[in-house]
Amino acid sequence: MGVFVSAGEFRLLVTGGGTGGHTYPALTTVRALQARLAAEGVVVRVLWAGAAGGLEERVAQAEGIEFAPVATGKIRRASNPLAMLSAENVRDMARVPVGVAQARGVVSGFRPDVVLSTGGYVAVPIGLAAAMSRRPLVVHEQTVRLGLANRALVRGASRVAVSSPSTLDLLPEGVRERAVVTGNPVRAEVLSGEAIKAVDALGLDSFDPGLPVVYVTGGAQGAVQINTLIAESLPWLLGRANVIHQCGPARVETVSEVAARLSPELAGRYRVLGFVGAELPDVLALADVVVSRSGAGTIAELTALGKPSLLIPLASSAGNEQAHNAHRLRDVGAAVVLEGDIAAADLRAGIEPLLGDVGQRERMAHAAREHGRPDAAERLVDVLLNAARER
């Protein structure tokens, strides 16, 4: 185990956050590293650095992880480069040098064996400080294309871990030799769901066992576009499938009003939920088809579990990353993708082959599983330990 064995302690500095897509892969990796080294009698001390009051701080506190706030600056994207010279961008960019100075103090004080950056603008100061302090920096990218923060950090990184082989060709030429495909870490509990538990927990005894189960989700807050498409297709869809619809807490009443107009037979095949929490692994285990956005975390879960999907990318996602993620699954035959001005007829045309053909679902499930990496967290732990050994 190298330098950290004699001390019996391994120090990991984590940076990244702002959104769940950056935060939860980091948390999953922390858990995997702690479990790996605990088996060898090594204690992992973790310090998470990020924006005060951000999601990463709330997650760190909930997990009992020490947290260090660092000033950060966010770049607000715009199609017109001149529009990026906004007062907000100029003000925030002025905070970056302050953040880097703070970050150097964090790095020198903590003296990490390795630094993990999972992206988001909050990662830039610590990532730069790690490179300047000659501490091993591992950058992990969740999406097909590098985010702005990781683009700023990869040249100074010891290792670059990517989620998709497609990313390798997009890296700067001098960085590719330091890159490795790990996949995007998926929470262990997501991989251990049981379908029967979803039936019991959500009271799905009225579902028709002869029909497939479709899980519809627009993310934690729901998605108006997806909710509207489902509402306009409900009688048709419920004639062919059972549906679990996670519509967002603020939209339960509106969606429930649509459900109230269904016949008793069709209503028995429909379950509306504002939010799916601890039941998510079991719901995913039960689902035969998933209708969702195509964020990096969603893609990682769908491929790790081998789930056929109909993906509706969020058009406003940074760098159009959701479209790139969705296209990757479509191109390997694991997903149907709908984009642009989508009507209910498009949804019906896209999902009908998945509902009516078990063989098609099985082929798509196989394609998804072939491109999944359920062991991504363990692969990323390998990268972290190797980077620390070579310090």
Protein backbone atom coordinates (compact mmCIF):
# COMPACT_ATOMS: atom_id res chain seq x y z
CA MET A 1 0.00 0.00 0.00
CA GLY A 2 3.00 2.31 -0.02
CA VAL A 3 3.49 5.48 2.01
CA PHE A 4 0.16 5.44 3.84
CA VAL A 5 0.45 1.94 5.32
CA SER A 6 2.97 2.83 7.99
CA ALA A 7 0.79 5.65 9.26
CA GLY A 8 -2.29 3.45 9.10
CA GLU A 9 -4.17 6.34 7.52
CA PHE A 10 -5.03 7.37 3.99
CA ARG A 11 -5.98 10.98 3.35
CA LEU A 12 -8.42 11.76 0.57
CA LEU A 13 -9.34 15.31 -0.37
CA VAL A 14 -12.57 15.43 -2.40
CA THR A 15 -13.79 18.38 -4.41
CA GLY A 16 -16.76 18.64 -6.71
CA GLY A 17 -20.44 19.38 -6.41
CA GLY A 18 -23.07 21.93 -7.18
CA THR A 19 -25.35 19.21 -8.56
CA GLY A 20 -26.09 15.62 -7.68
CA GLY A 21 -24.36 14.50 -10.88
CA HIS A 22 -21.04 15.70 -9.47
CA THR A 23 -21.70 15.05 -5.78
CA TYR A 24 -23.07 11.52 -5.57
CA PRO A 25 -20.39 9.79 -7.69
CA ALA A 26 -17.84 11.31 -5.31
CA LEU A 27 -19.75 10.05 -2.28
CA THR A 28 -20.09 6.57 -3.77
CA THR A 29 -16.33 6.49 -4.40
CA VAL A 30 -15.58 7.63 -0.85
CA ARG A 31 -17.67 4.78 0.52
CA ALA A 32 -15.96 2.25 -1.75
CA LEU A 33 -12.50 3.50 -0.77
CA GLN A 34 -13.34 3.35 2.93
CA ALA A 35 -14.63 -0.21 2.61
CA ARG A 36 -11.60 -1.31 0.57
CA LEU A 37 -9.00 0.05 2.99
CA ALA A 38 -10.92 -0.87 6.15
CA ALA A 39 -10.47 -4.49 5.10
CA GLU A 40 -6.72 -3.84 5.18
CA GLY A 41 -6.75 -2.08 8.53
CA VAL A 42 -6.25 1.39 7.04
CA VAL A 43 -8.39 4.31 8.15
CA VAL A 44 -9.51 6.73 5.44
CA ARG A 45 -9.68 10.34 6.54
CA VAL A 46 -11.78 12.39 4.12
CA LEU A 47 -11.99 16.14 3.71
CA TRP A 48 -14.55 17.52 1.24
CA ALA A 49 -13.94 21.01 -0.13
CA GLY A 50 -16.59 23.00 -1.95
CA ALA A 51 -19.03 25.87 -1.84
CA ALA A 52 -20.45 26.89 1.53
CA GLY A 53 -24.15 26.05 1.63
CA GLY A 54 -23.96 23.92 -1.52
CA LEU A 55 -25.28 20.40 -2.02
CA GLU A 56 -21.82 19.00 -1.39
CA GLU A 57 -21.72 20.55 2.09
CA ARG A 58 -25.14 19.13 2.97
CA VAL A 59 -24.15 15.68 1.74
CA ALA A 60 -20.81 15.79 3.59
CA GLN A 61 -22.51 16.80 6.84
CA ALA A 62 -25.13 14.05 6.47
CA GLU A 63 -22.33 11.50 5.98
CA GLY A 64 -20.18 12.78 8.84
CA ILE A 65 -17.45 13.94 6.45
CA GLU A 66 -15.32 16.94 7.37
CA PHE A 67 -16.01 19.92 5.09
CA ALA A 68 -13.90 22.92 4.09
CA PRO A 69 -15.64 25.87 2.38
CA VAL A 70 -13.73 27.49 -0.48
CA ALA A 71 -14.69 30.57 -2.51
CA THR A 72 -15.73 29.68 -6.03
CA GLY A 73 -16.75 31.42 -9.24
CA LYS A 74 -19.40 30.12 -11.61
CA ILE A 75 -19.31 30.68 -15.38
CA ARG A 76 -22.79 31.18 -16.81
CA ARG A 77 -22.82 29.77 -20.31
CA ALA A 78 -24.24 31.58 -23.33
CA SER A 79 -24.36 30.82 -27.04
CA ASN A 80 -22.94 34.28 -27.74
CA PRO A 81 -19.37 34.52 -26.33
CA LEU A 82 -19.82 38.24 -25.69
CA ALA A 83 -22.82 37.49 -23.50
CA MET A 84 -20.55 35.49 -21.20
CA LEU A 85 -18.85 38.78 -20.25
CA SER A 86 -21.79 39.53 -17.97
CA ALA A 87 -21.47 41.37 -14.69
CA GLU A 88 -22.26 38.12 -12.83
CA ASN A 89 -19.52 36.19 -14.65
CA VAL A 90 -16.94 38.93 -14.18
CA ARG A 91 -17.79 39.19 -10.48
CA ASP A 92 -17.63 35.46 -9.93
CA MET A 93 -14.42 34.98 -11.89
CA ALA A 94 -12.81 37.56 -9.62
CA ARG A 95 -13.48 35.14 -6.77
CA VAL A 96 -11.38 32.38 -8.34
CA PRO A 97 -7.96 33.73 -7.22
CA VAL A 98 -9.36 34.12 -3.69
CA GLY A 99 -10.62 30.56 -3.84
CA VAL A 100 -7.29 29.23 -5.11
CA ALA A 101 -5.47 30.96 -2.24
CA GLN A 102 -7.89 29.41 0.23
CA ALA A 103 -7.56 26.06 -1.52
CA ARG A 104 -3.77 26.09 -1.23
CA GLY A 105 -4.19 26.53 2.50
CA VAL A 106 -6.60 23.58 2.60
CA VAL A 107 -4.25 21.35 0.60
CA SER A 108 -1.13 22.27 2.57
CA GLY A 109 -2.95 21.88 5.88
CA PHE A 110 -4.60 18.55 5.08
CA ARG A 111 -1.69 17.05 3.12
CA PRO A 112 -3.79 14.54 1.13
CA ASP A 113 -2.38 11.36 -0.35
CA VAL A 114 -4.56 12.06 -3.37
CA VAL A 115 -7.18 14.59 -4.49
CA LEU A 116 -10.35 13.57 -6.30
CA SER A 117 -12.19 16.13 -8.44
CA THR A 118 -15.60 15.18 -9.80
CA GLY A 119 -16.26 18.49 -11.54
CA GLY A 120 -18.55 21.45 -11.20
CA TYR A 121 -17.23 24.98 -10.83
CA VAL A 122 -16.65 24.33 -7.11
CA ALA A 123 -13.80 21.94 -8.04
CA VAL A 124 -11.58 24.44 -9.84
CA PRO A 125 -9.79 26.10 -6.87
CA ILE A 126 -8.88 22.83 -5.13
CA GLY A 127 -7.91 21.18 -8.41
CA LEU A 128 -5.56 24.03 -9.29
CA ALA A 129 -4.15 24.10 -5.76
CA ALA A 130 -3.47 20.36 -5.87
CA ALA A 131 -1.50 20.71 -9.09
CA MET A 132 0.46 23.69 -7.74
CA SER A 133 1.21 21.81 -4.50
CA ARG A 134 2.32 18.71 -6.42
CA ARG A 135 -0.33 16.51 -4.84
CA PRO A 136 -1.73 13.74 -7.07
CA LEU A 137 -4.95 14.93 -8.70
CA VAL A 138 -7.46 12.51 -10.18
CA VAL A 139 -10.15 14.13 -12.33
CA HIS A 140 -13.34 12.17 -12.95
CA GLU A 141 -15.72 13.12 -15.78
CA GLN A 142 -19.28 11.77 -15.63
CA THR A 143 -20.49 12.87 -19.07
CA VAL A 144 -19.31 12.09 -22.60
CA ARG A 145 -17.84 15.58 -23.09
CA LEU A 146 -15.64 17.26 -20.51
CA GLY A 147 -17.34 19.91 -18.40
CA LEU A 148 -15.79 23.37 -18.16
CA ALA A 149 -14.26 22.74 -14.74
CA ASN A 150 -12.61 19.47 -15.74
CA ARG A 151 -11.36 21.02 -18.95
CA ALA A 152 -9.49 23.51 -16.80
CA LEU A 153 -7.98 20.76 -14.64
CA VAL A 154 -7.10 17.77 -16.84
CA ARG A 155 -3.70 19.06 -18.00
CA GLY A 156 -2.48 19.22 -14.40
CA ALA A 157 -4.03 15.91 -13.38
CA SER A 158 -2.06 12.78 -12.56
CA ARG A 159 -4.91 10.65 -13.87
CA VAL A 160 -8.10 11.37 -15.79
CA ALA A 161 -10.96 8.91 -15.22
CA VAL A 162 -13.80 9.00 -17.76
CA SER A 163 -17.18 7.31 -17.87
CA SER A 164 -17.31 6.54 -21.58
CA PRO A 165 -14.72 5.32 -24.11
CA SER A 166 -16.14 8.01 -26.40
CA THR A 167 -14.54 10.63 -24.18
CA LEU A 168 -10.99 9.45 -24.85
CA ASP A 169 -10.88 10.90 -28.36
CA LEU A 170 -12.16 14.23 -27.05
CA LEU A 171 -9.29 14.68 -24.59
CA PRO A 172 -6.26 16.84 -25.40
CA GLU A 173 -3.64 14.65 -27.03
CA GLY A 174 -1.16 14.94 -24.17
CA VAL A 175 -3.78 13.90 -21.64
CA ARG A 176 -4.95 10.66 -23.29
CA GLU A 177 -2.00 8.62 -22.03
CA ARG A 178 -3.09 9.44 -18.46
CA ALA A 179 -6.74 8.61 -19.06
CA VAL A 180 -8.60 5.46 -18.05
CA VAL A 181 -12.23 4.42 -18.56
CA THR A 182 -13.77 3.66 -15.17
CA GLY A 183 -17.44 4.33 -15.78
CA ASN A 184 -19.57 6.55 -13.54
CA PRO A 185 -19.93 5.28 -9.96
CA VAL A 186 -23.41 4.04 -9.12
CA ARG A 187 -24.61 3.74 -5.53
CA ALA A 188 -24.36 0.15 -4.34
CA GLU A 189 -27.97 0.16 -3.12
CA VAL A 190 -29.24 0.95 -6.64
CA LEU A 191 -27.75 -2.32 -7.82
CA SER A 192 -29.46 -4.44 -5.17
CA GLY A 193 -33.15 -3.65 -5.69
CA GLU A 194 -35.88 -6.31 -5.50
CA ALA A 195 -38.99 -6.02 -7.65
CA ILE A 196 -41.33 -7.64 -5.12
CA LYS A 197 -40.38 -5.00 -2.54
CA ALA A 198 -41.59 -2.25 -4.89
CA VAL A 199 -44.92 -4.05 -5.26
CA ASP A 200 -45.32 -4.26 -1.49
CA ALA A 201 -44.02 -0.77 -0.65
CA LEU A 202 -46.09 1.05 -3.27
CA GLY A 203 -49.18 -1.15 -3.13
CA LEU A 204 -49.04 -2.27 -6.75
CA ASP A 205 -51.25 -5.34 -6.39
CA SER A 206 -53.69 -3.84 -8.93
CA PHE A 207 -51.03 -3.90 -11.66
CA ASP A 208 -51.66 -6.34 -14.51
CA PRO A 209 -48.95 -9.04 -14.29
CA GLY A 210 -49.35 -9.74 -17.99
CA LEU A 211 -48.20 -6.26 -19.00
CA PRO A 212 -44.75 -4.64 -18.81
CA VAL A 213 -43.98 -2.01 -16.16
CA VAL A 214 -42.87 1.45 -17.30
CA TYR A 215 -41.13 3.76 -14.83
CA VAL A 216 -41.45 7.43 -15.81
CA THR A 217 -39.26 10.01 -14.11
CA GLY A 218 -38.25 13.58 -14.74
CA GLY A 219 -35.78 13.73 -11.87
CA ALA A 220 -36.37 14.72 -8.26
CA GLN A 221 -38.42 17.80 -9.17
CA GLY A 222 -40.22 16.24 -12.11
CA ALA A 223 -40.22 17.53 -15.69
CA VAL A 224 -43.16 19.44 -17.16
CA GLN A 225 -42.39 18.18 -20.66
CA ILE A 226 -42.39 14.51 -19.65
CA ASN A 227 -45.44 14.91 -17.40
CA THR A 228 -47.39 16.52 -20.24
CA LEU A 229 -46.46 13.82 -22.75
CA ILE A 230 -47.48 11.07 -20.33
CA ALA A 231 -50.76 12.78 -19.40
CA GLU A 232 -51.69 13.15 -23.07
CA SER A 233 -50.88 9.48 -23.70
CA LEU A 234 -52.30 7.88 -20.56
CA PRO A 235 -55.28 5.84 -21.82
CA TRP A 236 -53.26 4.56 -24.77
CA LEU A 237 -50.22 3.79 -22.59
CA LEU A 238 -52.19 2.07 -19.84
CA GLY A 239 -53.81 -0.16 -22.42
CA ARG A 240 -50.36 -1.62 -23.01
CA ALA A 241 -48.45 -1.25 -19.74
CA ASN A 242 -48.47 -0.61 -16.02
CA VAL A 243 -46.99 2.80 -15.20
CA ILE A 244 -45.19 4.18 -12.15
CA HIS A 245 -44.98 7.94 -12.68
CA GLN A 246 -42.65 10.07 -10.55
CA CYS A 247 -43.92 13.51 -11.47
CA GLY A 248 -42.32 15.83 -8.89
CA PRO A 249 -43.78 16.93 -5.52
CA ALA A 250 -45.22 20.17 -6.92
CA ARG A 251 -47.13 18.41 -9.69
CA VAL A 252 -48.82 15.51 -7.92
CA GLU A 253 -52.18 17.29 -7.71
CA THR A 254 -52.22 18.22 -11.40
CA VAL A 255 -51.24 14.73 -12.57
CA SER A 256 -53.66 13.10 -10.13
CA GLU A 257 -56.52 15.11 -11.67
CA VAL A 258 -55.73 13.51 -15.03
CA ALA A 259 -55.58 10.07 -13.40
CA ALA A 260 -58.99 10.61 -11.79
CA ARG A 261 -60.61 10.62 -15.22
CA LEU A 262 -59.37 7.12 -16.05
CA SER A 263 -61.59 4.06 -16.00
CA PRO A 264 -61.16 1.88 -12.87
CA GLU A 265 -59.37 -0.79 -14.91
CA LEU A 266 -56.79 1.62 -16.31
CA ALA A 267 -56.45 3.52 -13.04
CA GLY A 268 -55.42 0.27 -11.34
CA ARG A 269 -52.37 0.13 -13.61
CA TYR A 270 -51.21 3.65 -12.78
CA ARG A 271 -49.34 4.91 -9.72
CA VAL A 272 -48.45 8.60 -9.31
CA LEU A 273 -45.62 9.56 -6.95
CA GLY A 274 -44.19 12.97 -6.18
CA PHE A 275 -40.78 11.63 -5.23
CA VAL A 276 -39.16 8.22 -5.15
CA GLY A 277 -36.63 7.87 -2.36
CA ALA A 278 -35.53 4.66 -0.67
CA GLU A 279 -37.81 2.64 -2.96
CA LEU A 280 -35.90 3.65 -6.11
CA PRO A 281 -33.70 0.52 -6.35
CA ASP A 282 -36.78 -1.69 -6.07
CA VAL A 283 -38.74 0.39 -8.59
CA LEU A 284 -35.88 0.11 -11.07
CA ALA A 285 -35.69 -3.63 -10.49
CA LEU A 286 -39.42 -3.90 -11.28
CA ALA A 287 -39.32 -1.69 -14.39
CA ASP A 288 -39.18 -3.25 -17.85
CA VAL A 289 -38.79 0.16 -19.56
CA VAL A 290 -37.65 3.53 -18.17
CA VAL A 291 -38.76 6.89 -19.59
CA SER A 292 -36.51 9.68 -18.36
CA ARG A 293 -34.07 12.50 -18.94
CA SER A 294 -30.50 11.47 -19.78
CA GLY A 295 -28.24 12.92 -17.14
CA ALA A 296 -24.96 11.16 -16.48
CA GLY A 297 -26.19 9.51 -13.28
CA THR A 298 -29.29 8.18 -14.99
CA ILE A 299 -27.25 6.73 -17.84
CA ALA A 300 -24.89 5.04 -15.38
CA GLU A 301 -27.80 3.43 -13.54
CA LEU A 302 -29.65 2.31 -16.66
CA THR A 303 -26.58 0.66 -18.15
CA ALA A 304 -25.41 -0.90 -14.89
CA LEU A 305 -28.86 -2.45 -14.46
CA GLY A 306 -29.40 -3.25 -18.15
CA LYS A 307 -32.66 -1.32 -18.57
CA PRO A 308 -34.20 -0.47 -21.96
CA SER A 309 -35.11 3.21 -22.03
CA LEU A 310 -36.83 5.99 -23.89
CA LEU A 311 -34.76 9.11 -23.27
CA ILE A 312 -35.89 12.72 -23.60
CA PRO A 313 -32.75 14.86 -23.12
CA LEU A 314 -33.03 18.18 -21.33
CA ALA A 315 -32.36 20.67 -24.12
CA SER A 316 -30.96 23.29 -21.74
CA SER A 317 -28.36 21.03 -20.11
CA ALA A 318 -24.85 22.47 -19.97
CA GLY A 319 -22.98 21.84 -23.21
CA ASN A 320 -25.98 19.86 -24.46
CA GLU A 321 -24.50 16.99 -22.44
CA GLN A 322 -27.78 15.13 -22.00
CA ALA A 323 -28.19 14.81 -25.77
CA HIS A 324 -24.65 13.43 -26.09
CA ASN A 325 -25.34 10.93 -23.30
CA ALA A 326 -28.59 9.81 -24.93
CA HIS A 327 -27.05 9.49 -28.38
CA ARG A 328 -24.41 7.15 -26.99
CA LEU A 329 -27.08 4.72 -25.78
CA ARG A 330 -29.16 5.08 -28.93
CA ASP A 331 -26.15 4.35 -31.12
CA VAL A 332 -25.48 1.03 -29.38
CA GLY A 333 -29.14 0.00 -29.50
CA ALA A 334 -29.90 0.47 -25.80
CA ALA A 335 -32.34 3.38 -25.99
CA VAL A 336 -34.89 5.27 -28.05
CA VAL A 337 -34.23 9.03 -28.08
CA LEU A 338 -36.80 11.79 -28.62
CA GLU A 339 -35.64 15.36 -29.14
CA GLY A 340 -36.94 18.72 -30.28
CA ASP A 341 -40.62 19.59 -30.44
CA ILE A 342 -42.03 16.29 -29.17
CA ALA A 343 -45.73 15.48 -29.36
CA ALA A 344 -47.65 12.71 -27.62
CA ALA A 345 -47.78 10.85 -30.95
CA ASP A 346 -43.97 10.79 -30.98
CA LEU A 347 -43.91 9.31 -27.51
CA ARG A 348 -46.39 6.61 -28.51
CA ALA A 349 -44.46 5.78 -31.68
CA GLY A 350 -41.19 5.60 -29.77
CA ILE A 351 -42.34 3.42 -26.91
CA GLU A 352 -44.77 1.07 -28.69
CA PRO A 353 -42.07 -1.30 -30.05
CA LEU A 354 -40.63 -1.63 -26.54
CA LEU A 355 -43.97 -2.48 -24.98
CA GLY A 356 -45.17 -4.96 -27.56
CA ASP A 357 -42.01 -6.94 -28.22
CA VAL A 358 -40.31 -8.80 -25.36
CA GLY A 359 -37.45 -9.74 -27.68
CA GLN A 360 -36.79 -6.09 -28.47
CA ARG A 361 -36.65 -5.26 -24.78
CA GLU A 362 -34.25 -8.13 -24.17
CA ARG A 363 -31.96 -6.99 -26.98
CA MET A 364 -31.95 -3.43 -25.67
CA ALA A 365 -31.34 -4.65 -22.13
CA HIS A 366 -28.35 -6.66 -23.34
CA ALA A 367 -26.96 -3.64 -25.22
CA ALA A 368 -27.37 -1.44 -22.14
CA ARG A 369 -25.70 -4.01 -19.90
CA GLU A 370 -22.80 -4.40 -22.34
CA HIS A 371 -22.02 -0.70 -21.88
CA GLY A 372 -22.66 -0.58 -18.15
CA ARG A 373 -19.98 -0.50 -15.49
CA PRO A 374 -21.52 -1.53 -12.17
CA ASP A 375 -17.99 -1.74 -10.74
CA ALA A 376 -17.15 1.87 -11.65
CA ALA A 377 -16.59 2.93 -8.04
CA GLU A 378 -14.09 0.11 -7.51
CA ARG A 379 -12.32 1.02 -10.74
CA LEU A 380 -12.07 4.64 -9.62
CA VAL A 381 -10.71 3.52 -6.24
CA ASP A 382 -7.98 1.63 -8.13
CA VAL A 383 -7.09 4.83 -9.97
CA LEU A 384 -6.93 6.82 -6.73
CA LEU A 385 -4.69 4.28 -5.01
CA ASN A 386 -2.37 3.98 -8.00
CA ALA A 387 -2.03 7.77 -8.21
CA ALA A 388 -1.20 7.93 -4.50
CA ARG A 389 1.41 5.16 -4.79
CA GLU A 390 3.19 6.94 -7.61
CA ARG A 391 3.44 10.23 -5.73
